[in-house]
Amino acid sequence: MSGSKHVIGSDLAKVDAHVITPEEYEEIPEMTDANFDLGVWKIGDRPVSPGEGMAAFRQALRCGRSAGSGTKVSTTVHFDA
């Protein structure tokens, strides 16, 4: 990787060393199904139905390589030095 490093102006070591206290956890609101029902499923910038969004989400989480088209041909190329 080339180029200069960006300075973000933060002490990440201090952030990493911070231990979250029980009081801080109390400040975080619990996420409920009602919160998620307020959201809008989108694929790219296109709004989609919750069913279509969930199907795309499940597809994205699948492990492994995607199925090939079956039309690929093995080739070999030789170049002069």
PDB file of N, CA and C in Angstrom:
ATOM      1  N   MET A   1       0.840  -1.169   0.000  1.00  0.00           N
ATOM      2  CA  MET A   1       0.000   0.000   0.000  1.00  0.00           C
ATOM      3  C   MET A   1       0.883   1.229   0.000  1.00  0.00           C
ATOM      4  N   SER A   2       0.595   2.152  -0.870  1.00  0.00           N
ATOM      5  CA  SER A   2       1.423   3.344  -0.943  1.00  0.00           C
ATOM      6  C   SER A   2       0.636   4.551  -0.457  1.00  0.00           C
ATOM      7  N   GLY A   3       1.350   5.641  -0.293  1.00  0.00           N
ATOM      8  CA  GLY A   3       0.693   6.863   0.151  1.00  0.00           C
ATOM      9  C   GLY A   3       0.940   7.103   1.626  1.00  0.00           C
ATOM     10  N   SER A   4       0.497   8.273   2.065  1.00  0.00           N
ATOM     11  CA  SER A   4       0.703   8.624   3.467  1.00  0.00           C
ATOM     12  C   SER A   4      -0.464   8.136   4.304  1.00  0.00           C
ATOM     13  N   LYS A   5      -0.184   7.945   5.574  1.00  0.00           N
ATOM     14  CA  LYS A   5      -1.224   7.514   6.500  1.00  0.00           C
ATOM     15  C   LYS A   5      -2.021   8.729   6.945  1.00  0.00           C
ATOM     16  N   HIS A   6      -3.325   8.540   7.124  1.00  0.00           N
ATOM     17  CA  HIS A   6      -4.176   9.620   7.607  1.00  0.00           C
ATOM     18  C   HIS A   6      -4.128   9.642   9.133  1.00  0.00           C
ATOM     19  N   VAL A   7      -4.077  10.815   9.678  1.00  0.00           N
ATOM     20  CA  VAL A   7      -4.139  10.986  11.117  1.00  0.00           C
ATOM     21  C   VAL A   7      -5.589  11.296  11.450  1.00  0.00           C
ATOM     22  N   ILE A   8      -6.210  10.469  12.278  1.00  0.00           N
ATOM     23  CA  ILE A   8      -7.625  10.666  12.564  1.00  0.00           C
ATOM     24  C   ILE A   8      -7.866  11.524  13.801  1.00  0.00           C
ATOM     25  N   GLY A   9      -6.822  11.902  14.483  1.00  0.00           N
ATOM     26  CA  GLY A   9      -6.971  12.788  15.628  1.00  0.00           C
ATOM     27  C   GLY A   9      -7.668  12.142  16.812  1.00  0.00           C
ATOM     28  N   SER A  10      -7.424  10.858  17.033  1.00  0.00           N
ATOM     29  CA  SER A  10      -8.058  10.159  18.139  1.00  0.00           C
ATOM     30  C   SER A  10      -7.031   9.267  18.807  1.00  0.00           C
ATOM     31  N   ASP A  11      -7.245   9.013  20.067  1.00  0.00           N
ATOM     32  CA  ASP A  11      -6.361   8.133  20.814  1.00  0.00           C
ATOM     33  C   ASP A  11      -7.003   6.744  20.854  1.00  0.00           C
ATOM     34  N   LEU A  12      -6.739   5.918  19.836  1.00  0.00           N
ATOM     35  CA  LEU A  12      -7.373   4.617  19.736  1.00  0.00           C
ATOM     36  C   LEU A  12      -6.950   3.677  20.862  1.00  0.00           C
ATOM     37  N   ALA A  13      -5.755   3.844  21.377  1.00  0.00           N
ATOM     38  CA  ALA A  13      -5.323   3.008  22.494  1.00  0.00           C
ATOM     39  C   ALA A  13      -6.215   3.281  23.713  1.00  0.00           C
ATOM     40  N   LYS A  14      -6.561   4.548  23.921  1.00  0.00           N
ATOM     41  CA  LYS A  14      -7.438   4.902  25.036  1.00  0.00           C
ATOM     42  C   LYS A  14      -8.838   4.308  24.813  1.00  0.00           C
ATOM     43  N   VAL A  15      -9.308   4.349  23.577  1.00  0.00           N
ATOM     44  CA  VAL A  15     -10.624   3.778  23.261  1.00  0.00           C
ATOM     45  C   VAL A  15     -10.608   2.270  23.494  1.00  0.00           C
ATOM     46  N   ASP A  16      -9.559   1.605  23.023  1.00  0.00           N
ATOM     47  CA  ASP A  16      -9.446   0.159  23.204  1.00  0.00           C
ATOM     48  C   ASP A  16      -9.364  -0.222  24.683  1.00  0.00           C
ATOM     49  N   ALA A  17      -8.740   0.613  25.486  1.00  0.00           N
ATOM     50  CA  ALA A  17      -8.552   0.302  26.901  1.00  0.00           C
ATOM     51  C   ALA A  17      -9.809   0.559  27.733  1.00  0.00           C
ATOM     52  N   HIS A  18     -10.773   1.315  27.190  1.00  0.00           N
ATOM     53  CA  HIS A  18     -11.984   1.655  27.942  1.00  0.00           C
ATOM     54  C   HIS A  18     -12.830   0.412  28.192  1.00  0.00           C
ATOM     55  N   VAL A  19     -13.249   0.241  29.422  1.00  0.00           N
ATOM     56  CA  VAL A  19     -14.132  -0.865  29.792  1.00  0.00           C
ATOM     57  C   VAL A  19     -15.527  -0.278  30.013  1.00  0.00           C
ATOM     58  N   ILE A  20     -16.511  -0.819  29.306  1.00  0.00           N
ATOM     59  CA  ILE A  20     -17.874  -0.307  29.427  1.00  0.00           C
ATOM     60  C   ILE A  20     -18.455  -0.745  30.764  1.00  0.00           C
ATOM     61  N   THR A  21     -18.984   0.217  31.490  1.00  0.00           N
ATOM     62  CA  THR A  21     -19.555  -0.058  32.816  1.00  0.00           C
ATOM     63  C   THR A  21     -21.037  -0.424  32.677  1.00  0.00           C
ATOM     64  N   PRO A  22     -21.609  -1.063  33.709  1.00  0.00           N
ATOM     65  CA  PRO A  22     -23.039  -1.380  33.668  1.00  0.00           C
ATOM     66  C   PRO A  22     -23.913  -0.140  33.472  1.00  0.00           C
ATOM     67  N   GLU A  23     -23.492   0.992  34.030  1.00  0.00           N
ATOM     68  CA  GLU A  23     -24.261   2.227  33.865  1.00  0.00           C
ATOM     69  C   GLU A  23     -24.312   2.654  32.402  1.00  0.00           C
ATOM     70  N   GLU A  24     -23.214   2.447  31.677  1.00  0.00           N
ATOM     71  CA  GLU A  24     -23.197   2.797  30.256  1.00  0.00           C
ATOM     72  C   GLU A  24     -24.124   1.888  29.456  1.00  0.00           C
ATOM     73  N   TYR A  25     -24.202   0.611  29.835  1.00  0.00           N
ATOM     74  CA  TYR A  25     -25.118  -0.296  29.168  1.00  0.00           C
ATOM     75  C   TYR A  25     -26.563   0.144  29.355  1.00  0.00           C
ATOM     76  N   GLU A  26     -26.883   0.712  30.517  1.00  0.00           N
ATOM     77  CA  GLU A  26     -28.244   1.158  30.785  1.00  0.00           C
ATOM     78  C   GLU A  26     -28.649   2.304  29.869  1.00  0.00           C
ATOM     79  N   GLU A  27     -27.665   3.058  29.354  1.00  0.00           N
ATOM     80  CA  GLU A  27     -27.952   4.180  28.468  1.00  0.00           C
ATOM     81  C   GLU A  27     -28.328   3.712  27.062  1.00  0.00           C
ATOM     82  N   ILE A  28     -27.999   2.491  26.716  1.00  0.00           N
ATOM     83  CA  ILE A  28     -28.256   1.980  25.374  1.00  0.00           C
ATOM     84  C   ILE A  28     -29.671   1.401  25.336  1.00  0.00           C
ATOM     85  N   PRO A  29     -30.544   1.941  24.475  1.00  0.00           N
ATOM     86  CA  PRO A  29     -31.910   1.409  24.441  1.00  0.00           C
ATOM     87  C   PRO A  29     -31.949   0.017  23.822  1.00  0.00           C
ATOM     88  N   GLU A  30     -32.886  -0.796  24.291  1.00  0.00           N
ATOM     89  CA  GLU A  30     -33.055  -2.139  23.758  1.00  0.00           C
ATOM     90  C   GLU A  30     -33.749  -2.051  22.397  1.00  0.00           C
ATOM     91  N   MET A  31     -33.250  -2.811  21.422  1.00  0.00           N
ATOM     92  CA  MET A  31     -33.871  -2.862  20.104  1.00  0.00           C
ATOM     93  C   MET A  31     -34.983  -3.896  20.137  1.00  0.00           C
ATOM     94  N   THR A  32     -36.167  -3.498  19.711  1.00  0.00           N
ATOM     95  CA  THR A  32     -37.309  -4.400  19.695  1.00  0.00           C
ATOM     96  C   THR A  32     -37.748  -4.640  18.252  1.00  0.00           C
ATOM     97  N   ASP A  33     -38.660  -5.590  18.070  1.00  0.00           N
ATOM     98  CA  ASP A  33     -39.198  -5.845  16.732  1.00  0.00           C
ATOM     99  C   ASP A  33     -39.896  -4.602  16.187  1.00  0.00           C
ATOM    100  N   ALA A  34     -40.499  -3.818  17.073  1.00  0.00           N
ATOM    101  CA  ALA A  34     -41.165  -2.586  16.632  1.00  0.00           C
ATOM    102  C   ALA A  34     -40.163  -1.617  16.008  1.00  0.00           C
ATOM    103  N   ASN A  35     -38.934  -1.558  16.539  1.00  0.00           N
ATOM    104  CA  ASN A  35     -37.901  -0.700  15.956  1.00  0.00           C
ATOM    105  C   ASN A  35     -37.582  -1.139  14.532  1.00  0.00           C
ATOM    106  N   PHE A  36     -37.468  -2.443  14.348  1.00  0.00           N
ATOM    107  CA  PHE A  36     -37.124  -2.956  13.029  1.00  0.00           C
ATOM    108  C   PHE A  36     -38.284  -2.812  12.041  1.00  0.00           C
ATOM    109  N   ASP A  37     -39.515  -2.846  12.551  1.00  0.00           N
ATOM    110  CA  ASP A  37     -40.678  -2.664  11.675  1.00  0.00           C
ATOM    111  C   ASP A  37     -40.738  -1.258  11.096  1.00  0.00           C
ATOM    112  N   LEU A  38     -40.082  -0.308  11.734  1.00  0.00           N
ATOM    113  CA  LEU A  38     -40.061   1.063  11.235  1.00  0.00           C
ATOM    114  C   LEU A  38     -39.096   1.244  10.062  1.00  0.00           C
ATOM    115  N   GLY A  39     -38.201   0.279   9.889  1.00  0.00           N
ATOM    116  CA  GLY A  39     -37.196   0.381   8.841  1.00  0.00           C
ATOM    117  C   GLY A  39     -37.758   0.102   7.458  1.00  0.00           C
ATOM    118  N   VAL A  40     -36.978   0.458   6.441  1.00  0.00           N
ATOM    119  CA  VAL A  40     -37.348   0.217   5.050  1.00  0.00           C
ATOM    120  C   VAL A  40     -36.274  -0.659   4.426  1.00  0.00           C
ATOM    121  N   TRP A  41     -36.675  -1.802   3.880  1.00  0.00           N
ATOM    122  CA  TRP A  41     -35.732  -2.682   3.185  1.00  0.00           C
ATOM    123  C   TRP A  41     -35.379  -2.049   1.851  1.00  0.00           C
ATOM    124  N   LYS A  42     -34.086  -2.039   1.525  1.00  0.00           N
ATOM    125  CA  LYS A  42     -33.636  -1.510   0.233  1.00  0.00           C
ATOM    126  C   LYS A  42     -32.576  -2.430  -0.333  1.00  0.00           C
ATOM    127  N   ILE A  43     -32.589  -2.559  -1.634  1.00  0.00           N
ATOM    128  CA  ILE A  43     -31.506  -3.220  -2.367  1.00  0.00           C
ATOM    129  C   ILE A  43     -30.926  -2.128  -3.245  1.00  0.00           C
ATOM    130  N   GLY A  44     -29.713  -1.709  -2.923  1.00  0.00           N
ATOM    131  CA  GLY A  44     -29.167  -0.517  -3.556  1.00  0.00           C
ATOM    132  C   GLY A  44     -29.972   0.672  -3.061  1.00  0.00           C
ATOM    133  N   ASP A  45     -30.517   1.450  -3.984  1.00  0.00           N
ATOM    134  CA  ASP A  45     -31.369   2.580  -3.605  1.00  0.00           C
ATOM    135  C   ASP A  45     -32.840   2.266  -3.814  1.00  0.00           C
ATOM    136  N   ARG A  46     -33.154   1.037  -4.220  1.00  0.00           N
ATOM    137  CA  ARG A  46     -34.531   0.662  -4.551  1.00  0.00           C
ATOM    138  C   ARG A  46     -35.228   0.055  -3.335  1.00  0.00           C
ATOM    139  N   PRO A  47     -36.319   0.665  -2.858  1.00  0.00           N
ATOM    140  CA  PRO A  47     -37.081   0.059  -1.754  1.00  0.00           C
ATOM    141  C   PRO A  47     -37.714  -1.259  -2.214  1.00  0.00           C
ATOM    142  N   VAL A  48     -37.675  -2.265  -1.347  1.00  0.00           N
ATOM    143  CA  VAL A  48     -38.259  -3.569  -1.664  1.00  0.00           C
ATOM    144  C   VAL A  48     -39.133  -4.016  -0.494  1.00  0.00           C
ATOM    145  N   SER A  49     -39.937  -5.047  -0.740  1.00  0.00           N
ATOM    146  CA  SER A  49     -40.787  -5.575   0.324  1.00  0.00           C
ATOM    147  C   SER A  49     -39.913  -6.259   1.375  1.00  0.00           C
ATOM    148  N   PRO A  50     -40.411  -6.385   2.602  1.00  0.00           N
ATOM    149  CA  PRO A  50     -39.637  -7.083   3.632  1.00  0.00           C
ATOM    150  C   PRO A  50     -39.280  -8.512   3.218  1.00  0.00           C
ATOM    151  N   GLY A  51     -40.184  -9.198   2.533  1.00  0.00           N
ATOM    152  CA  GLY A  51     -39.901 -10.565   2.085  1.00  0.00           C
ATOM    153  C   GLY A  51     -38.759 -10.617   1.099  1.00  0.00           C
ATOM    154  N   GLU A  52     -38.763  -9.690   0.128  1.00  0.00           N
ATOM    155  CA  GLU A  52     -37.684  -9.643  -0.865  1.00  0.00           C
ATOM    156  C   GLU A  52     -36.366  -9.235  -0.208  1.00  0.00           C
ATOM    157  N   GLY A  53     -36.427  -8.302   0.736  1.00  0.00           N
ATOM    158  CA  GLY A  53     -35.218  -7.873   1.435  1.00  0.00           C
ATOM    159  C   GLY A  53     -34.623  -8.994   2.263  1.00  0.00           C
ATOM    160  N   MET A  54     -35.469  -9.752   2.964  1.00  0.00           N
ATOM    161  CA  MET A  54     -34.988 -10.859   3.784  1.00  0.00           C
ATOM    162  C   MET A  54     -34.402 -11.964   2.907  1.00  0.00           C
ATOM    163  N   ALA A  55     -35.028 -12.229   1.752  1.00  0.00           N
ATOM    164  CA  ALA A  55     -34.503 -13.244   0.842  1.00  0.00           C
ATOM    165  C   ALA A  55     -33.122 -12.834   0.324  1.00  0.00           C
ATOM    166  N   ALA A  56     -32.954 -11.559  -0.016  1.00  0.00           N
ATOM    167  CA  ALA A  56     -31.652 -11.077  -0.486  1.00  0.00           C
ATOM    168  C   ALA A  56     -30.624 -11.133   0.637  1.00  0.00           C
ATOM    169  N   PHE A  57     -31.053 -10.844   1.854  1.00  0.00           N
ATOM    170  CA  PHE A  57     -30.165 -10.892   3.017  1.00  0.00           C
ATOM    171  C   PHE A  57     -29.680 -12.322   3.247  1.00  0.00           C
ATOM    172  N   ARG A  58     -30.604 -13.289   3.198  1.00  0.00           N
ATOM    173  CA  ARG A  58     -30.215 -14.694   3.376  1.00  0.00           C
ATOM    174  C   ARG A  58     -29.258 -15.141   2.283  1.00  0.00           C
ATOM    175  N   GLN A  59     -29.527 -14.711   1.058  1.00  0.00           N
ATOM    176  CA  GLN A  59     -28.655 -15.073  -0.073  1.00  0.00           C
ATOM    177  C   GLN A  59     -27.249 -14.516   0.147  1.00  0.00           C
ATOM    178  N   ALA A  60     -27.161 -13.291   0.652  1.00  0.00           N
ATOM    179  CA  ALA A  60     -25.858 -12.660   0.877  1.00  0.00           C
ATOM    180  C   ALA A  60     -25.071 -13.366   1.971  1.00  0.00           C
ATOM    181  N   LEU A  61     -25.771 -13.995   2.925  1.00  0.00           N
ATOM    182  CA  LEU A  61     -25.093 -14.665   4.028  1.00  0.00           C
ATOM    183  C   LEU A  61     -24.635 -16.076   3.687  1.00  0.00           C
ATOM    184  N   ARG A  62     -25.069 -16.603   2.552  1.00  0.00           N
ATOM    185  CA  ARG A  62     -24.669 -17.957   2.181  1.00  0.00           C
ATOM    186  C   ARG A  62     -23.156 -18.024   1.994  1.00  0.00           C
ATOM    187  N   CYS A  63     -22.575 -19.095   2.462  1.00  0.00           N
ATOM    188  CA  CYS A  63     -21.126 -19.275   2.375  1.00  0.00           C
ATOM    189  C   CYS A  63     -20.752 -19.924   1.046  1.00  0.00           C
ATOM    190  N   GLY A  64     -19.513 -19.749   0.670  1.00  0.00           N
ATOM    191  CA  GLY A  64     -18.992 -20.415  -0.504  1.00  0.00           C
ATOM    192  C   GLY A  64     -19.090 -19.566  -1.761  1.00  0.00           C
ATOM    193  N   ARG A  65     -18.583 -20.145  -2.825  1.00  0.00           N
ATOM    194  CA  ARG A  65     -18.591 -19.465  -4.113  1.00  0.00           C
ATOM    195  C   ARG A  65     -19.975 -19.568  -4.741  1.00  0.00           C
ATOM    196  N   SER A  66     -20.292 -18.581  -5.549  1.00  0.00           N
ATOM    197  CA  SER A  66     -21.564 -18.640  -6.257  1.00  0.00           C
ATOM    198  C   SER A  66     -21.476 -19.673  -7.371  1.00  0.00           C
ATOM    199  N   ALA A  67     -22.610 -20.190  -7.788  1.00  0.00           N
ATOM    200  CA  ALA A  67     -22.649 -21.202  -8.838  1.00  0.00           C
ATOM    201  C   ALA A  67     -22.159 -20.586 -10.147  1.00  0.00           C
ATOM    202  N   GLY A  68     -21.327 -21.316 -10.858  1.00  0.00           N
ATOM    203  CA  GLY A  68     -20.819 -20.832 -12.132  1.00  0.00           C
ATOM    204  C   GLY A  68     -21.862 -20.953 -13.225  1.00  0.00           C
ATOM    205  N   SER A  69     -21.589 -20.311 -14.349  1.00  0.00           N
ATOM    206  CA  SER A  69     -22.540 -20.337 -15.449  1.00  0.00           C
ATOM    207  C   SER A  69     -22.458 -21.647 -16.228  1.00  0.00           C
ATOM    208  N   GLY A  70     -21.363 -22.400 -16.060  1.00  0.00           N
ATOM    209  CA  GLY A  70     -21.220 -23.652 -16.795  1.00  0.00           C
ATOM    210  C   GLY A  70     -20.712 -23.460 -18.210  1.00  0.00           C
ATOM    211  N   THR A  71     -20.380 -22.234 -18.591  1.00  0.00           N
ATOM    212  CA  THR A  71     -19.933 -21.958 -19.956  1.00  0.00           C
ATOM    213  C   THR A  71     -18.453 -21.608 -20.033  1.00  0.00           C
ATOM    214  N   LYS A  72     -17.711 -21.818 -18.974  1.00  0.00           N
ATOM    215  CA  LYS A  72     -16.298 -21.461 -18.973  1.00  0.00           C
ATOM    216  C   LYS A  72     -15.463 -22.557 -19.610  1.00  0.00           C
ATOM    217  N   VAL A  73     -14.384 -22.133 -20.294  1.00  0.00           N
ATOM    218  CA  VAL A  73     -13.482 -23.043 -20.976  1.00  0.00           C
ATOM    219  C   VAL A  73     -12.075 -22.791 -20.445  1.00  0.00           C
ATOM    220  N   SER A  74     -11.362 -23.850 -20.138  1.00  0.00           N
ATOM    221  CA  SER A  74      -9.996 -23.722 -19.648  1.00  0.00           C
ATOM    222  C   SER A  74      -9.081 -23.380 -20.823  1.00  0.00           C
ATOM    223  N   THR A  75      -8.189 -22.390 -20.633  1.00  0.00           N
ATOM    224  CA  THR A  75      -7.234 -22.002 -21.668  1.00  0.00           C
ATOM    225  C   THR A  75      -5.871 -21.824 -21.051  1.00  0.00           C
ATOM    226  N   THR A  76      -4.834 -21.886 -21.892  1.00  0.00           N
ATOM    227  CA  THR A  76      -3.466 -21.656 -21.472  1.00  0.00           C
ATOM    228  C   THR A  76      -2.847 -20.635 -22.419  1.00  0.00           C
ATOM    229  N   VAL A  77      -2.100 -19.675 -21.863  1.00  0.00           N
ATOM    230  CA  VAL A  77      -1.466 -18.656 -22.668  1.00  0.00           C
ATOM    231  C   VAL A  77       0.018 -18.661 -22.366  1.00  0.00           C
ATOM    232  N   HIS A  78       0.872 -18.599 -23.394  1.00  0.00           N
ATOM    233  CA  HIS A  78       2.319 -18.523 -23.226  1.00  0.00           C
ATOM    234  C   HIS A  78       2.790 -17.197 -23.799  1.00  0.00           C
ATOM    235  N   PHE A  79       3.684 -16.520 -23.073  1.00  0.00           N
ATOM    236  CA  PHE A  79       4.235 -15.251 -23.510  1.00  0.00           C
ATOM    237  C   PHE A  79       5.746 -15.388 -23.643  1.00  0.00           C
ATOM    238  N   ASP A  80       6.313 -14.676 -24.617  1.00  0.00           N
ATOM    239  CA  ASP A  80       7.769 -14.611 -24.742  1.00  0.00           C
ATOM    240  C   ASP A  80       8.330 -13.804 -23.595  1.00  0.00           C
ATOM    241  N   ALA A  81       9.494 -14.211 -23.106  1.00  0.00           N
ATOM    242  CA  ALA A  81      10.154 -13.457 -22.038  1.00  0.00           C
ATOM    243  C   ALA A  81      10.587 -12.135 -22.610  1.00  0.00           C
TER     244      ALA A  81
END
